[in-house]
Amino acid sequence: MSILSIIVALIFCCLTIFQLLLSLGKPYGEAAMGGYHKVLPTPLRIVSAANALILLLFAAAFLLYTDVLPTPWSWLPLTTIVWIITIFLAINTLANAFSRSKKERIIMTPLSGLTFILCLIIILN
């Protein structure tokens, strides 16, 4: 499962970069947050910056869960955390599938769906 968790972490890191680019005003907004803005307005840029941090935490959670990274905080409920992330990804995949943005449906739906499946495989093994 270590290989899968590294793949999942890499996906989360790529999404982190995407969110950082959005937060810096790059014109990729049509593939995110419903696709309402080509360039995100300031409040949504702040949300994108926060999303970037959250995605890094998602990556770390899976790397810790599979012992790819040492767990300095043994009190962390990692099983619960990775289940919450996985359920979030399932909901996110559905939301992306029904987005009004064609770019979000085409790009983000398969990406979040794949990540959901990989996370589910990790948890169930």
C-alpha atoms as a PDB file:
ATOM      1  CA  MET A   1       0.000   0.000   0.000  1.00  0.00           C
ATOM      2  CA  SER A   2       3.011   2.281   0.286  1.00  0.00           C
ATOM      3  CA  ILE A   3       3.158   2.756  -3.492  1.00  0.00           C
ATOM      4  CA  LEU A   4      -0.544   3.637  -3.638  1.00  0.00           C
ATOM      5  CA  SER A   5      -0.226   6.117  -0.788  1.00  0.00           C
ATOM      6  CA  ILE A   6       2.709   7.776  -2.559  1.00  0.00           C
ATOM      7  CA  ILE A   7       0.602   8.031  -5.735  1.00  0.00           C
ATOM      8  CA  VAL A   8      -2.274   9.509  -3.721  1.00  0.00           C
ATOM      9  CA  ALA A   9       0.117  11.970  -2.062  1.00  0.00           C
ATOM     10  CA  LEU A  10       1.482  12.998  -5.471  1.00  0.00           C
ATOM     11  CA  ILE A  11      -2.062  13.607  -6.744  1.00  0.00           C
ATOM     12  CA  PHE A  12      -2.794  15.735  -3.682  1.00  0.00           C
ATOM     13  CA  CYS A  13       0.474  17.638  -4.247  1.00  0.00           C
ATOM     14  CA  CYS A  14      -0.427  18.311  -7.890  1.00  0.00           C
ATOM     15  CA  LEU A  15      -3.826  19.576  -6.769  1.00  0.00           C
ATOM     16  CA  THR A  16      -2.045  21.729  -4.190  1.00  0.00           C
ATOM     17  CA  ILE A  17      -0.032  23.365  -6.969  1.00  0.00           C
ATOM     18  CA  PHE A  18      -3.225  23.898  -8.968  1.00  0.00           C
ATOM     19  CA  GLN A  19      -4.902  25.541  -5.954  1.00  0.00           C
ATOM     20  CA  LEU A  20      -1.854  27.742  -5.359  1.00  0.00           C
ATOM     21  CA  LEU A  21      -1.924  28.862  -8.993  1.00  0.00           C
ATOM     22  CA  LEU A  22      -5.612  29.722  -8.584  1.00  0.00           C
ATOM     23  CA  SER A  23      -4.829  31.665  -5.415  1.00  0.00           C
ATOM     24  CA  LEU A  24      -2.203  33.644  -7.344  1.00  0.00           C
ATOM     25  CA  GLY A  25      -4.758  34.699  -9.953  1.00  0.00           C
ATOM     26  CA  LYS A  26      -3.899  32.325 -12.773  1.00  0.00           C
ATOM     27  CA  PRO A  27      -6.783  31.863 -15.265  1.00  0.00           C
ATOM     28  CA  TYR A  28      -7.695  28.263 -14.387  1.00  0.00           C
ATOM     29  CA  GLY A  29     -10.855  29.006 -12.441  1.00  0.00           C
ATOM     30  CA  GLU A  30     -13.107  27.390 -15.044  1.00  0.00           C
ATOM     31  CA  ALA A  31     -11.822  24.010 -13.837  1.00  0.00           C
ATOM     32  CA  ALA A  32     -12.554  24.669 -10.161  1.00  0.00           C
ATOM     33  CA  MET A  33     -15.243  25.784  -7.739  1.00  0.00           C
ATOM     34  CA  GLY A  34     -18.070  25.400 -10.213  1.00  0.00           C
ATOM     35  CA  GLY A  35     -16.245  27.162 -13.032  1.00  0.00           C
ATOM     36  CA  TYR A  36     -17.973  30.486 -12.445  1.00  0.00           C
ATOM     37  CA  HIS A  37     -14.791  32.551 -12.794  1.00  0.00           C
ATOM     38  CA  LYS A  38     -11.855  32.283 -15.160  1.00  0.00           C
ATOM     39  CA  VAL A  39      -9.748  34.202 -12.646  1.00  0.00           C
ATOM     40  CA  LEU A  40     -10.938  33.773  -9.085  1.00  0.00           C
ATOM     41  CA  PRO A  41     -11.986  36.874  -7.131  1.00  0.00           C
ATOM     42  CA  THR A  42     -10.028  37.635  -3.972  1.00  0.00           C
ATOM     43  CA  PRO A  43     -12.307  35.785  -1.526  1.00  0.00           C
ATOM     44  CA  LEU A  44     -12.069  32.606  -3.618  1.00  0.00           C
ATOM     45  CA  ARG A  45      -8.310  33.040  -3.944  1.00  0.00           C
ATOM     46  CA  ILE A  46      -8.142  32.891  -0.160  1.00  0.00           C
ATOM     47  CA  VAL A  47     -10.256  29.729  -0.253  1.00  0.00           C
ATOM     48  CA  SER A  48      -7.856  28.249  -2.825  1.00  0.00           C
ATOM     49  CA  ALA A  49      -4.876  29.018  -0.602  1.00  0.00           C
ATOM     50  CA  ALA A  50      -6.639  27.277   2.294  1.00  0.00           C
ATOM     51  CA  ASN A  51      -7.499  24.354  -0.004  1.00  0.00           C
ATOM     52  CA  ALA A  52      -3.815  24.025  -0.881  1.00  0.00           C
ATOM     53  CA  LEU A  53      -2.914  23.658   2.786  1.00  0.00           C
ATOM     54  CA  ILE A  54      -5.721  21.140   3.344  1.00  0.00           C
ATOM     55  CA  LEU A  55      -4.585  19.064   0.364  1.00  0.00           C
ATOM     56  CA  LEU A  56      -1.057  18.901   1.794  1.00  0.00           C
ATOM     57  CA  LEU A  57      -2.531  17.654   5.054  1.00  0.00           C
ATOM     58  CA  PHE A  58      -4.495  15.023   3.092  1.00  0.00           C
ATOM     59  CA  ALA A  59      -1.231  13.854   1.487  1.00  0.00           C
ATOM     60  CA  ALA A  60       0.516  13.697   4.851  1.00  0.00           C
ATOM     61  CA  ALA A  61      -2.380  11.765   6.398  1.00  0.00           C
ATOM     62  CA  PHE A  62      -2.126   8.960   3.843  1.00  0.00           C
ATOM     63  CA  LEU A  63       1.661   8.835   4.058  1.00  0.00           C
ATOM     64  CA  LEU A  64       1.432   8.598   7.845  1.00  0.00           C
ATOM     65  CA  TYR A  65      -1.379   6.043   7.688  1.00  0.00           C
ATOM     66  CA  THR A  66       0.691   3.682   5.517  1.00  0.00           C
ATOM     67  CA  ASP A  67       3.898   4.324   7.501  1.00  0.00           C
ATOM     68  CA  VAL A  68       5.675   5.898   4.532  1.00  0.00           C
ATOM     69  CA  LEU A  69       6.348   8.767   6.929  1.00  0.00           C
ATOM     70  CA  PRO A  70       7.106   8.076  10.584  1.00  0.00           C
ATOM     71  CA  THR A  71       4.223   8.946  12.875  1.00  0.00           C
ATOM     72  CA  PRO A  72       5.507  11.323  15.542  1.00  0.00           C
ATOM     73  CA  TRP A  73       1.984  11.799  16.868  1.00  0.00           C
ATOM     74  CA  SER A  74       0.758   8.342  17.769  1.00  0.00           C
ATOM     75  CA  TRP A  75      -2.369   9.862  19.291  1.00  0.00           C
ATOM     76  CA  LEU A  76      -3.655  10.955  15.863  1.00  0.00           C
ATOM     77  CA  PRO A  77      -6.771   9.006  14.851  1.00  0.00           C
ATOM     78  CA  LEU A  78      -5.351   8.308  11.385  1.00  0.00           C
ATOM     79  CA  THR A  79      -7.915   5.653  10.480  1.00  0.00           C
ATOM     80  CA  THR A  80     -10.747   8.096  11.134  1.00  0.00           C
ATOM     81  CA  ILE A  81      -8.946  10.885   9.296  1.00  0.00           C
ATOM     82  CA  VAL A  82      -8.328   8.842   6.147  1.00  0.00           C
ATOM     83  CA  TRP A  83     -11.935   7.602   6.167  1.00  0.00           C
ATOM     84  CA  ILE A  84     -13.174  11.200   6.365  1.00  0.00           C
ATOM     85  CA  ILE A  85     -10.891  12.189   3.466  1.00  0.00           C
ATOM     86  CA  THR A  86     -12.068   9.215   1.405  1.00  0.00           C
ATOM     87  CA  ILE A  87     -15.744   9.973   2.028  1.00  0.00           C
ATOM     88  CA  PHE A  88     -15.065  13.612   1.155  1.00  0.00           C
ATOM     89  CA  LEU A  89     -13.513  12.466  -2.143  1.00  0.00           C
ATOM     90  CA  ALA A  90     -16.597  10.400  -2.958  1.00  0.00           C
ATOM     91  CA  ILE A  91     -18.826  13.440  -2.394  1.00  0.00           C
ATOM     92  CA  ASN A  92     -16.386  15.668  -4.278  1.00  0.00           C
ATOM     93  CA  THR A  93     -16.447  13.301  -7.264  1.00  0.00           C
ATOM     94  CA  LEU A  94     -20.242  13.499  -7.403  1.00  0.00           C
ATOM     95  CA  ALA A  95     -20.174  17.288  -7.084  1.00  0.00           C
ATOM     96  CA  ASN A  96     -17.622  17.550  -9.893  1.00  0.00           C
ATOM     97  CA  ALA A  97     -19.688  15.218 -12.081  1.00  0.00           C
ATOM     98  CA  PHE A  98     -22.662  17.566 -11.790  1.00  0.00           C
ATOM     99  CA  SER A  99     -20.712  20.821 -12.077  1.00  0.00           C
ATOM    100  CA  ARG A 100     -21.948  23.363 -14.591  1.00  0.00           C
ATOM    101  CA  SER A 101     -18.343  23.696 -15.729  1.00  0.00           C
ATOM    102  CA  LYS A 102     -17.443  21.373 -18.577  1.00  0.00           C
ATOM    103  CA  LYS A 103     -13.737  21.689 -17.704  1.00  0.00           C
ATOM    104  CA  GLU A 104     -14.404  20.703 -14.117  1.00  0.00           C
ATOM    105  CA  ARG A 105     -16.478  17.708 -15.218  1.00  0.00           C
ATOM    106  CA  ILE A 106     -13.855  16.548 -17.724  1.00  0.00           C
ATOM    107  CA  ILE A 107     -10.732  17.141 -15.618  1.00  0.00           C
ATOM    108  CA  MET A 108     -11.660  17.038 -11.955  1.00  0.00           C
ATOM    109  CA  THR A 109     -14.304  14.298 -11.958  1.00  0.00           C
ATOM    110  CA  PRO A 110     -11.969  11.529 -13.166  1.00  0.00           C
ATOM    111  CA  LEU A 111      -9.123  12.854 -11.015  1.00  0.00           C
ATOM    112  CA  SER A 112     -11.145  12.907  -7.807  1.00  0.00           C
ATOM    113  CA  GLY A 113     -12.796   9.604  -8.738  1.00  0.00           C
ATOM    114  CA  LEU A 114      -9.425   7.936  -9.260  1.00  0.00           C
ATOM    115  CA  THR A 115      -8.112   9.378  -6.007  1.00  0.00           C
ATOM    116  CA  PHE A 116     -11.225   8.156  -4.182  1.00  0.00           C
ATOM    117  CA  ILE A 117     -10.745   4.624  -5.540  1.00  0.00           C
ATOM    118  CA  LEU A 118      -7.051   4.586  -4.593  1.00  0.00           C
ATOM    119  CA  CYS A 119      -7.834   5.845  -1.096  1.00  0.00           C
ATOM    120  CA  LEU A 120     -10.546   3.225  -0.691  1.00  0.00           C
ATOM    121  CA  ILE A 121      -8.136   0.472  -1.749  1.00  0.00           C
ATOM    122  CA  ILE A 122      -5.585   1.729   0.775  1.00  0.00           C
ATOM    123  CA  ILE A 123      -8.111   1.785   3.607  1.00  0.00           C
ATOM    124  CA  LEU A 124      -9.625  -1.610   2.847  1.00  0.00           C
ATOM    125  CA  ASN A 125      -6.267  -3.402   2.752  1.00  0.00           C
END
